[in-house]
N, C-alpha and C. Protein backbone atom coordinates (compact mmCIF):
# COMPACT_ATOMS: atom_id res chain seq x y z
N HIS A 1 -9.14 -7.57 31.00
CA HIS A 1 -7.68 -8.04 31.46
C HIS A 1 -7.19 -7.97 32.89
N ASP A 2 -6.33 -8.55 33.43
CA ASP A 2 -5.85 -8.58 34.55
C ASP A 2 -4.67 -7.34 34.38
N SER A 3 -5.10 -6.41 35.36
CA SER A 3 -4.21 -5.00 34.89
C SER A 3 -2.49 -5.29 35.59
N SER A 4 -2.55 -6.40 36.25
CA SER A 4 -1.19 -7.04 36.78
C SER A 4 -0.40 -7.38 35.66
N GLN A 5 -1.17 -7.91 34.75
CA GLN A 5 -0.36 -8.52 33.53
C GLN A 5 -0.11 -7.48 32.29
N MET A 6 -0.48 -6.31 32.43
CA MET A 6 -0.54 -5.59 31.53
C MET A 6 0.79 -4.73 31.58
N ALA A 7 1.21 -4.02 30.26
CA ALA A 7 2.71 -3.53 30.58
C ALA A 7 2.72 -2.40 31.42
N SER A 8 3.92 -2.23 32.28
CA SER A 8 3.90 -1.11 33.10
C SER A 8 3.88 0.13 32.60
N GLU A 9 4.61 0.43 31.11
CA GLU A 9 4.86 1.62 30.67
C GLU A 9 4.66 1.68 29.09
N ILE A 10 4.03 2.43 28.78
CA ILE A 10 3.95 2.64 27.42
C ILE A 10 4.53 3.86 26.67
N SER A 11 5.27 4.50 26.07
CA SER A 11 5.53 5.45 25.60
C SER A 11 5.07 5.89 24.07
N VAL A 12 4.69 7.02 23.93
CA VAL A 12 4.20 7.38 22.60
C VAL A 12 4.90 8.65 22.22
N LYS A 13 5.38 8.87 21.00
CA LYS A 13 6.01 9.98 20.53
C LYS A 13 5.40 10.58 19.24
N ARG A 14 5.16 11.63 18.68
CA ARG A 14 4.82 12.25 17.67
C ARG A 14 5.83 12.44 17.01
N ILE A 15 5.63 11.74 15.55
CA ILE A 15 6.76 11.78 14.60
C ILE A 15 6.62 12.81 13.67
N GLY A 16 5.27 13.33 13.32
CA GLY A 16 5.10 14.10 12.09
C GLY A 16 3.97 14.40 11.61
N VAL A 17 3.50 15.07 10.80
CA VAL A 17 2.20 15.27 10.22
C VAL A 17 2.32 15.84 8.79
N GLY A 18 1.87 15.10 7.75
CA GLY A 18 2.12 15.18 6.47
C GLY A 18 0.71 15.92 5.71
N ASN A 19 0.69 16.83 4.90
CA ASN A 19 -0.30 17.34 4.22
C ASN A 19 -0.12 16.94 2.87
N PRO A 20 -1.58 16.58 2.06
CA PRO A 20 -1.39 16.16 0.64
C PRO A 20 -1.16 17.45 -0.14
N PRO A 21 -0.58 17.33 -1.27
CA PRO A 21 -0.22 18.53 -2.19
C PRO A 21 -1.10 19.34 -3.00
N GLY A 22 -1.30 20.55 -2.78
CA GLY A 22 -2.34 21.55 -3.09
C GLY A 22 -3.61 21.47 -2.30
N LYS A 23 -4.38 22.54 -2.60
CA LYS A 23 -5.78 22.91 -1.85
C LYS A 23 -6.76 21.71 -1.88
N GLN A 24 -7.24 20.93 -0.77
CA GLN A 24 -8.02 20.28 -1.04
C GLN A 24 -9.54 20.52 -0.60
N SER A 25 -10.70 20.23 -0.94
CA SER A 25 -12.00 20.27 -0.84
C SER A 25 -12.33 19.78 0.41
N ILE A 26 -13.51 20.23 1.06
CA ILE A 26 -14.14 19.36 2.00
C ILE A 26 -14.52 18.27 1.75
N ASP A 27 -14.68 17.72 0.36
CA ASP A 27 -15.04 16.58 0.23
C ASP A 27 -14.37 15.62 -0.03
N GLN A 28 -12.92 16.05 -0.16
CA GLN A 28 -11.66 15.31 -0.42
C GLN A 28 -11.58 14.11 1.00
N ARG A 29 -11.49 12.94 1.01
CA ARG A 29 -11.47 12.05 2.15
C ARG A 29 -10.00 11.19 1.62
N LEU A 30 -9.37 10.96 2.67
CA LEU A 30 -8.35 9.66 2.83
C LEU A 30 -9.09 8.69 3.26
N ASN A 31 -9.05 7.59 2.38
CA ASN A 31 -9.65 6.35 2.86
C ASN A 31 -9.09 5.45 3.31
N ALA A 32 -7.53 5.38 2.74
CA ALA A 32 -6.71 4.10 3.14
C ALA A 32 -5.39 4.64 3.54
N VAL A 33 -4.68 3.94 4.25
CA VAL A 33 -3.26 4.02 4.67
C VAL A 33 -2.34 3.09 4.99
N VAL A 34 -1.01 3.08 4.43
CA VAL A 34 -0.43 1.72 4.98
C VAL A 34 1.14 2.27 5.13
N ALA A 35 1.87 1.50 5.85
CA ALA A 35 3.11 2.14 6.31
C ALA A 35 4.41 0.97 6.10
N CYS A 36 5.63 1.50 5.88
CA CYS A 36 6.54 0.43 5.67
C CYS A 36 7.72 1.14 6.23
N SER A 37 8.83 0.39 7.05
CA SER A 37 10.24 0.99 7.27
C SER A 37 11.08 0.63 6.19
N VAL A 38 11.77 1.89 5.53
CA VAL A 38 12.68 1.87 4.64
C VAL A 38 13.99 1.88 4.71
N SER A 39 14.40 1.79 6.07
CA SER A 39 15.85 1.53 6.89
C SER A 39 16.03 0.64 7.48
N THR A 40 17.41 -0.27 7.41
CA THR A 40 17.14 -1.12 8.43
C THR A 40 17.40 -0.86 9.84
N ASP A 41 17.42 0.12 10.16
CA ASP A 41 17.57 0.60 11.48
C ASP A 41 15.96 0.86 12.05
N GLY A 42 15.16 1.19 11.19
CA GLY A 42 13.79 1.26 11.15
C GLY A 42 13.40 2.87 11.52
N ASP A 43 14.64 3.70 11.59
CA ASP A 43 14.26 5.33 11.76
C ASP A 43 13.49 5.83 10.35
N GLU A 44 13.53 5.22 9.28
CA GLU A 44 13.04 5.92 8.33
C GLU A 44 11.90 4.98 7.70
N ALA A 45 10.79 5.72 7.46
CA ALA A 45 9.46 5.03 7.14
C ALA A 45 8.58 5.99 5.89
N ILE A 46 8.25 5.12 5.16
CA ILE A 46 7.23 5.49 4.26
C ILE A 46 5.79 5.54 4.76
N VAL A 47 5.01 6.28 4.08
CA VAL A 47 3.40 6.21 4.58
C VAL A 47 2.62 6.63 3.08
N VAL A 48 1.71 5.66 2.73
CA VAL A 48 0.99 6.09 1.46
C VAL A 48 -0.38 6.17 1.79
N THR A 49 -1.08 7.08 1.31
CA THR A 49 -2.58 7.49 1.54
C THR A 49 -3.45 7.10 -0.09
N GLY A 50 -4.49 6.49 0.38
CA GLY A 50 -5.28 6.42 -0.86
C GLY A 50 -6.42 7.34 -0.70
N ASP A 51 -6.94 8.28 -1.41
CA ASP A 51 -8.05 9.17 -1.28
C ASP A 51 -9.22 8.92 -2.24
N SER A 52 -10.09 10.08 -1.90
CA SER A 52 -11.36 9.79 -2.99
C SER A 52 -11.37 10.08 -4.33
N SER A 53 -10.20 11.12 -4.44
CA SER A 53 -9.95 11.27 -5.49
C SER A 53 -9.14 10.42 -6.69
N GLY A 54 -8.84 9.41 -6.34
CA GLY A 54 -8.29 8.32 -6.90
C GLY A 54 -6.64 8.46 -6.84
N ARG A 55 -6.13 9.23 -5.82
CA ARG A 55 -4.61 9.60 -5.90
C ARG A 55 -4.09 8.58 -4.50
N CYS A 56 -2.79 8.24 -4.89
CA CYS A 56 -1.98 7.58 -3.95
C CYS A 56 -0.93 8.43 -3.40
N VAL A 57 -0.76 8.98 -2.31
CA VAL A 57 0.14 10.12 -2.15
C VAL A 57 0.95 9.48 -1.12
N LEU A 58 2.59 9.70 -1.19
CA LEU A 58 3.59 9.22 -0.40
C LEU A 58 4.13 10.20 0.52
N TYR A 59 4.04 10.02 1.92
CA TYR A 59 5.17 10.49 2.54
C TYR A 59 6.05 10.12 3.35
N ARG A 60 7.43 10.72 3.43
CA ARG A 60 8.55 10.07 3.80
C ARG A 60 8.97 10.72 5.44
N PHE A 61 8.78 10.04 6.24
CA PHE A 61 9.17 10.16 7.84
C PHE A 61 10.50 9.72 8.27
N ASN A 62 10.98 10.62 8.98
CA ASN A 62 12.33 10.38 9.84
C ASN A 62 11.68 10.16 11.34
N CYS A 63 11.76 8.87 11.66
CA CYS A 63 11.37 8.63 13.09
C CYS A 63 12.13 9.40 14.23
N ASP A 64 13.25 9.68 13.93
CA ASP A 64 13.82 10.54 14.82
C ASP A 64 13.46 11.85 15.63
N SER A 65 12.88 12.56 14.37
CA SER A 65 12.63 13.79 14.51
C SER A 65 11.16 13.90 15.01
N GLU A 66 10.89 14.84 15.66
CA GLU A 66 9.44 14.98 16.41
C GLU A 66 8.70 16.02 15.73
N THR A 67 9.61 16.68 14.61
CA THR A 67 8.89 17.87 14.11
C THR A 67 8.52 17.74 12.40
N ALA A 68 8.58 16.66 12.10
CA ALA A 68 8.60 16.15 10.64
C ALA A 68 7.28 16.71 9.87
N ARG A 69 7.73 17.28 8.82
CA ARG A 69 6.59 17.79 8.09
C ARG A 69 7.32 17.05 6.44
N PRO A 70 6.82 15.84 5.96
CA PRO A 70 7.32 15.17 5.11
C PRO A 70 6.77 15.84 4.03
N GLN A 71 7.53 15.97 3.03
CA GLN A 71 7.11 16.55 1.34
C GLN A 71 6.03 15.53 0.96
N ALA A 72 5.00 15.78 0.70
CA ALA A 72 3.88 14.88 -0.17
C ALA A 72 4.23 14.70 -1.65
N THR A 73 4.09 13.46 -2.05
CA THR A 73 4.48 13.04 -3.61
C THR A 73 3.22 12.17 -4.24
N VAL A 74 2.82 12.73 -5.07
CA VAL A 74 1.79 11.79 -5.90
C VAL A 74 2.22 10.78 -6.55
N LEU A 75 2.20 9.60 -6.07
CA LEU A 75 2.61 8.04 -6.83
C LEU A 75 2.03 7.73 -8.00
N TYR A 76 0.32 7.87 -7.72
CA TYR A 76 -0.40 7.34 -9.01
C TYR A 76 -1.94 7.82 -8.71
N ARG A 77 -2.40 7.96 -9.91
CA ARG A 77 -3.55 8.41 -10.05
C ARG A 77 -4.69 7.73 -10.70
N ASP A 78 -5.78 7.24 -10.30
CA ASP A 78 -6.62 6.46 -10.77
C ASP A 78 -7.92 7.01 -11.17
N GLU A 79 -8.93 6.57 -11.98
CA GLU A 79 -10.00 7.17 -12.52
C GLU A 79 -11.07 6.76 -11.11
N ARG A 80 -10.91 6.12 -10.47
CA ARG A 80 -11.95 5.81 -9.39
C ARG A 80 -11.30 5.82 -8.03
N PRO A 81 -12.03 6.48 -6.71
CA PRO A 81 -11.53 6.38 -5.58
C PRO A 81 -10.67 5.29 -5.12
N ILE A 82 -9.61 5.70 -4.23
CA ILE A 82 -8.84 4.51 -3.66
C ILE A 82 -9.66 3.89 -2.21
N LEU A 83 -9.85 2.84 -2.04
CA LEU A 83 -10.39 2.32 -0.78
C LEU A 83 -9.57 1.45 0.02
N SER A 84 -8.54 0.78 -0.44
CA SER A 84 -7.69 -0.06 0.33
C SER A 84 -6.03 -0.22 -0.36
N LEU A 85 -5.18 -0.17 0.32
CA LEU A 85 -3.83 -0.26 0.24
C LEU A 85 -3.08 -1.45 0.82
N GLU A 86 -2.17 -2.01 0.51
CA GLU A 86 -1.13 -2.59 1.14
C GLU A 86 0.28 -2.36 0.70
N LEU A 87 1.25 -2.79 0.96
CA LEU A 87 2.56 -2.12 0.81
C LEU A 87 3.51 -3.54 1.02
N SER A 88 4.48 -3.81 0.18
CA SER A 88 5.59 -4.70 0.68
C SER A 88 6.93 -4.13 -0.06
N GLY A 89 8.25 -4.12 0.84
CA GLY A 89 9.36 -3.83 0.22
C GLY A 89 10.03 -4.82 -0.20
N TRP A 90 10.65 -4.76 -1.40
CA TRP A 90 11.32 -5.86 -2.14
C TRP A 90 12.71 -5.04 -2.50
N GLN A 91 13.79 -5.67 -1.74
CA GLN A 91 14.94 -5.29 -1.86
C GLN A 91 15.20 -3.68 -1.91
N ASN A 92 15.29 -2.89 -3.04
CA ASN A 92 15.33 -1.53 -3.15
C ASN A 92 14.26 -1.18 -3.79
N GLU A 93 12.92 -1.79 -3.82
CA GLU A 93 11.74 -1.48 -4.52
C GLU A 93 10.69 -1.62 -3.76
N PHE A 94 9.47 -1.29 -3.92
CA PHE A 94 8.46 -1.50 -3.29
C PHE A 94 7.31 -1.97 -4.27
N ILE A 95 6.62 -3.04 -3.72
CA ILE A 95 4.96 -3.12 -4.53
C ILE A 95 3.90 -2.62 -3.77
N LEU A 96 3.29 -1.85 -4.41
CA LEU A 96 2.01 -1.05 -3.75
C LEU A 96 0.99 -1.75 -4.27
N VAL A 97 -0.24 -2.51 -3.53
CA VAL A 97 -1.37 -3.02 -3.97
C VAL A 97 -2.49 -2.25 -3.49
N VAL A 98 -3.54 -1.63 -4.67
CA VAL A 98 -4.53 -0.71 -4.59
C VAL A 98 -5.58 -1.30 -4.76
N GLY A 99 -6.83 -0.99 -3.94
CA GLY A 99 -8.09 -1.51 -4.16
C GLY A 99 -8.88 -0.23 -4.29
N THR A 100 -9.77 -0.17 -5.47
CA THR A 100 -10.64 0.97 -5.66
C THR A 100 -11.99 0.64 -5.63
N THR A 101 -13.06 1.81 -5.94
CA THR A 101 -14.60 1.38 -5.52
C THR A 101 -14.98 0.75 -6.55
N ALA A 102 -14.19 0.48 -8.02
CA ALA A 102 -14.65 -0.36 -8.75
C ALA A 102 -14.38 -1.51 -8.98
N GLY A 103 -13.81 -2.02 -7.84
CA GLY A 103 -13.68 -3.65 -7.55
C GLY A 103 -12.44 -3.75 -7.99
N ASP A 104 -11.66 -3.14 -8.61
CA ASP A 104 -10.07 -3.49 -9.07
C ASP A 104 -9.24 -3.56 -7.92
N ILE A 105 -7.92 -4.37 -8.49
CA ILE A 105 -6.89 -4.47 -7.75
C ILE A 105 -5.64 -4.08 -8.57
N ILE A 106 -4.98 -2.97 -8.11
CA ILE A 106 -3.96 -2.57 -9.10
C ILE A 106 -2.44 -2.95 -8.52
N LEU A 107 -1.18 -3.63 -9.27
CA LEU A 107 -0.40 -3.44 -8.27
C LEU A 107 1.00 -2.70 -9.38
N LEU A 108 1.30 -1.86 -8.27
CA LEU A 108 2.53 -0.93 -8.80
C LEU A 108 3.75 -1.18 -8.27
N ASN A 109 4.75 -1.11 -9.16
CA ASN A 109 5.97 -1.24 -8.72
C ASN A 109 6.58 0.29 -8.58
N LEU A 110 7.32 0.70 -7.24
CA LEU A 110 7.62 1.89 -6.87
C LEU A 110 9.18 1.72 -6.64
N PRO A 111 10.16 2.17 -7.52
CA PRO A 111 11.56 1.86 -7.76
C PRO A 111 11.81 2.81 -6.16
N ASN A 112 12.97 2.73 -5.67
CA ASN A 112 13.69 3.44 -4.61
C ASN A 112 14.92 4.37 -5.39
N PRO A 113 14.77 5.45 -5.29
CA PRO A 113 13.89 6.54 -4.77
C PRO A 113 12.63 6.47 -5.15
N LEU A 114 11.62 6.61 -4.57
CA LEU A 114 10.35 6.12 -4.55
C LEU A 114 9.74 7.43 -5.85
N SER A 115 9.02 6.83 -7.05
CA SER A 115 8.50 8.12 -7.98
C SER A 115 7.31 7.58 -8.55
N PHE A 116 6.71 8.49 -9.14
CA PHE A 116 5.20 8.40 -10.05
C PHE A 116 5.42 7.39 -10.67
N ALA A 117 4.39 6.34 -10.44
CA ALA A 117 4.11 4.88 -11.18
C ALA A 117 3.36 5.30 -12.34
N GLU A 118 3.88 5.65 -13.70
CA GLU A 118 2.79 6.00 -14.40
C GLU A 118 1.84 4.69 -15.04
N LYS A 119 2.46 3.66 -15.09
CA LYS A 119 1.62 2.42 -15.73
C LYS A 119 1.82 1.32 -14.50
N PRO A 120 0.48 0.81 -14.20
CA PRO A 120 0.58 -0.34 -13.30
C PRO A 120 1.21 -1.62 -14.03
N LEU A 121 1.94 -2.46 -13.14
CA LEU A 121 2.55 -3.66 -13.34
C LEU A 121 1.16 -4.40 -13.94
N PHE A 122 -0.13 -4.57 -12.94
CA PHE A 122 -1.02 -5.40 -13.45
C PHE A 122 -2.29 -4.72 -12.82
N ARG A 123 -3.42 -5.11 -13.49
CA ARG A 123 -4.85 -4.81 -12.90
C ARG A 123 -5.84 -5.93 -13.00
N TYR A 124 -6.50 -5.96 -12.08
CA TYR A 124 -7.59 -7.29 -11.98
C TYR A 124 -8.73 -6.84 -11.18
N LYS A 125 -9.86 -7.17 -12.15
CA LYS A 125 -11.30 -7.08 -11.52
C LYS A 125 -11.57 -7.97 -10.64
N ALA A 126 -11.38 -7.83 -9.12
CA ALA A 126 -11.41 -8.85 -8.07
C ALA A 126 -12.88 -8.76 -7.81
N HIS A 127 -13.52 -7.76 -7.48
CA HIS A 127 -14.73 -7.77 -7.00
C HIS A 127 -15.71 -6.87 -8.20
N SER A 128 -17.23 -7.23 -7.89
CA SER A 128 -18.16 -6.58 -8.82
C SER A 128 -18.29 -5.06 -8.21
N MET A 129 -17.90 -4.72 -6.91
CA MET A 129 -18.02 -3.70 -6.41
C MET A 129 -16.81 -3.23 -5.35
N GLY A 130 -16.81 -2.25 -4.72
CA GLY A 130 -15.74 -1.76 -3.86
C GLY A 130 -14.62 -2.82 -3.57
N THR A 131 -13.52 -2.80 -3.41
CA THR A 131 -12.45 -3.51 -2.86
C THR A 131 -12.18 -2.87 -1.45
N ASN A 132 -12.68 -3.31 -0.32
CA ASN A 132 -12.59 -2.83 0.95
C ASN A 132 -11.35 -3.03 1.68
N ALA A 133 -10.90 -4.00 1.57
CA ALA A 133 -9.68 -4.49 2.29
C ALA A 133 -8.53 -5.30 1.36
N ILE A 134 -7.31 -5.21 1.82
CA ILE A 134 -6.45 -6.12 1.32
C ILE A 134 -5.22 -6.44 2.25
N ALA A 135 -4.89 -7.75 2.05
CA ALA A 135 -3.96 -8.53 2.87
C ALA A 135 -3.12 -8.99 1.84
N ILE A 136 -1.71 -8.98 2.15
CA ILE A 136 -0.68 -9.79 1.26
C ILE A 136 0.05 -10.34 2.09
N ARG A 137 0.52 -11.29 1.45
CA ARG A 137 2.06 -12.17 2.02
C ARG A 137 2.80 -12.35 0.80
N THR A 138 4.23 -12.15 1.21
CA THR A 138 4.84 -11.98 -0.11
C THR A 138 6.01 -13.24 0.13
N ARG A 139 6.91 -13.60 -0.80
CA ARG A 139 7.97 -14.62 -0.71
C ARG A 139 8.87 -14.26 -1.77
N GLU A 140 10.05 -14.21 -1.63
CA GLU A 140 11.02 -14.08 -2.67
C GLU A 140 11.58 -15.27 -3.11
N SER A 141 11.63 -15.40 -4.56
CA SER A 141 12.48 -16.74 -4.94
C SER A 141 14.00 -16.56 -4.52
N ARG A 142 14.38 -18.12 -4.68
CA ARG A 142 15.85 -18.22 -4.20
C ARG A 142 16.71 -17.14 -4.78
N ASP A 143 16.67 -17.05 -5.97
CA ASP A 143 17.66 -16.46 -6.72
C ASP A 143 17.47 -14.80 -6.78
N GLY A 144 16.40 -14.44 -6.15
CA GLY A 144 16.07 -12.84 -5.76
C GLY A 144 15.48 -12.06 -7.05
N ASN A 145 15.16 -13.03 -7.99
CA ASN A 145 14.67 -12.20 -9.43
C ASN A 145 13.31 -12.23 -9.52
N SER A 146 12.50 -12.78 -8.61
CA SER A 146 11.02 -12.71 -8.49
C SER A 146 10.56 -12.78 -7.11
N LEU A 147 9.11 -12.34 -7.16
CA LEU A 147 8.59 -12.27 -5.85
C LEU A 147 7.35 -12.64 -6.05
N LEU A 148 6.68 -13.89 -5.14
CA LEU A 148 5.52 -14.29 -5.14
C LEU A 148 4.64 -13.44 -4.11
N LEU A 149 3.71 -12.86 -4.62
CA LEU A 149 2.63 -12.11 -3.68
C LEU A 149 1.39 -12.87 -3.86
N ARG A 150 0.75 -13.21 -2.64
CA ARG A 150 -0.42 -13.91 -2.38
C ARG A 150 -1.11 -12.51 -1.75
N ILE A 151 -2.34 -12.49 -2.59
CA ILE A 151 -3.11 -11.23 -2.24
C ILE A 151 -4.72 -11.90 -1.90
N VAL A 152 -5.00 -11.13 -0.77
CA VAL A 152 -6.65 -11.94 -0.38
C VAL A 152 -7.20 -10.21 -0.20
N SER A 153 -8.59 -10.14 -0.61
CA SER A 153 -9.09 -9.21 -0.58
C SER A 153 -10.70 -9.32 -0.32
N CYS A 154 -11.52 -8.45 -0.03
CA CYS A 154 -12.76 -8.68 0.39
C CYS A 154 -13.49 -7.08 -0.23
N GLY A 155 -14.96 -7.44 -0.59
CA GLY A 155 -15.53 -6.23 -1.31
C GLY A 155 -16.84 -5.93 -0.92
N ASP A 156 -17.52 -4.99 -1.68
CA ASP A 156 -18.79 -4.82 -1.21
C ASP A 156 -19.74 -5.86 -1.88
N ASP A 157 -19.15 -6.72 -2.65
CA ASP A 157 -19.94 -7.99 -3.26
C ASP A 157 -19.99 -8.98 -2.16
N GLN A 158 -19.35 -8.65 -1.02
CA GLN A 158 -19.58 -9.87 -0.13
C GLN A 158 -18.67 -11.07 -0.60
N ALA A 159 -17.84 -10.87 -1.58
CA ALA A 159 -16.83 -11.75 -1.86
C ALA A 159 -15.54 -11.67 -0.96
N VAL A 160 -14.86 -12.90 -0.80
CA VAL A 160 -13.28 -12.96 -0.78
C VAL A 160 -12.90 -13.43 -1.97
N SER A 161 -11.80 -12.45 -2.55
CA SER A 161 -10.95 -12.90 -3.69
C SER A 161 -9.52 -13.39 -3.22
N CYS A 162 -8.85 -14.34 -3.84
CA CYS A 162 -7.69 -14.74 -3.13
C CYS A 162 -6.79 -15.03 -4.48
N TRP A 163 -6.01 -14.26 -4.73
CA TRP A 163 -4.91 -14.59 -6.00
C TRP A 163 -3.60 -14.68 -5.61
N GLU A 164 -2.55 -15.14 -6.53
CA GLU A 164 -1.21 -15.00 -6.62
C GLU A 164 -0.65 -14.22 -7.82
N ALA A 165 0.31 -13.47 -7.61
CA ALA A 165 1.09 -12.83 -8.59
C ALA A 165 2.48 -12.93 -8.52
N LEU A 166 3.13 -13.31 -9.75
CA LEU A 166 4.35 -13.57 -9.69
C LEU A 166 5.17 -12.24 -10.26
N VAL A 167 5.96 -11.95 -9.61
CA VAL A 167 6.41 -10.65 -10.16
C VAL A 167 7.94 -10.75 -10.52
N LYS A 168 8.38 -10.39 -11.84
CA LYS A 168 9.65 -11.03 -12.15
C LYS A 168 10.42 -9.60 -12.31
N ARG A 169 11.57 -9.61 -11.76
CA ARG A 169 12.53 -8.33 -11.49
C ARG A 169 12.72 -7.52 -12.70
N ASN A 170 13.51 -8.46 -13.65
CA ASN A 170 13.82 -7.53 -14.67
C ASN A 170 13.03 -6.84 -15.68
N THR A 171 11.99 -7.91 -15.87
CA THR A 171 10.90 -7.61 -17.09
C THR A 171 10.03 -6.46 -16.61
N GLY A 172 9.55 -6.65 -15.02
CA GLY A 172 8.48 -6.15 -14.79
C GLY A 172 6.99 -6.72 -14.92
N ALA A 173 7.23 -7.97 -15.76
CA ALA A 173 6.22 -8.93 -16.22
C ALA A 173 5.53 -9.28 -14.82
N VAL A 174 4.23 -9.59 -14.94
CA VAL A 174 3.41 -10.38 -13.94
C VAL A 174 2.68 -11.68 -14.42
N GLU A 175 2.99 -12.59 -14.02
CA GLU A 175 1.96 -13.95 -14.11
C GLU A 175 1.10 -14.14 -12.99
N ALA A 176 -0.22 -14.27 -13.29
CA ALA A 176 -1.19 -14.17 -12.04
C ALA A 176 -2.04 -15.19 -12.29
N THR A 177 -2.32 -16.00 -11.33
CA THR A 177 -3.42 -17.14 -11.14
C THR A 177 -4.60 -16.57 -10.31
N VAL A 178 -5.88 -16.69 -10.27
CA VAL A 178 -6.85 -16.08 -9.62
C VAL A 178 -7.62 -17.21 -9.42
N GLU A 179 -8.06 -17.19 -7.78
CA GLU A 179 -9.25 -18.20 -7.50
C GLU A 179 -10.04 -17.28 -6.44
N ILE A 180 -11.45 -17.27 -6.84
CA ILE A 180 -12.59 -16.24 -6.12
C ILE A 180 -13.18 -17.46 -5.02
N LEU A 181 -13.00 -17.22 -3.55
CA LEU A 181 -13.67 -17.99 -2.71
C LEU A 181 -15.15 -17.11 -2.31
N ARG A 182 -16.29 -18.03 -2.24
CA ARG A 182 -17.60 -17.42 -2.04
C ARG A 182 -18.30 -18.19 -1.10
């Protein structure tokens, strides 16, 4: 790149550091991370990590503070390690999409304030092996009572899996259509 066309100033600020709850073994690994703003001014954000023990852990950051040590909250536990995450805000709630080493994709509804998600909204076998990456796009219905999620994932099986899930607000029901591209 021509240096004359590059930004003349970049400002970087440390916001904080969070540690998972409890003592962690040396074999414990954070495999995935996703972040989302939770305030209209962008000053408050949540960060969710996925780890090798199957936990999704939430950290809440105030971006105005340079000394933040956010409390870690376990949102979800799975039997398999978490490899990938994606997060979408929906009015006062969040939809967390989780990919595991088993090739599963899991949809979790996280109310605000965020709390432990005991039961997934939906679980789908997207890959025969690990789900390495997830990308989502969302579109809310005109009446605001449902959210269409378009989810694309890739896995260790070398497949790209594309699917749609329609999440209905009041019932928590999920209707899904699946198409696997190879």
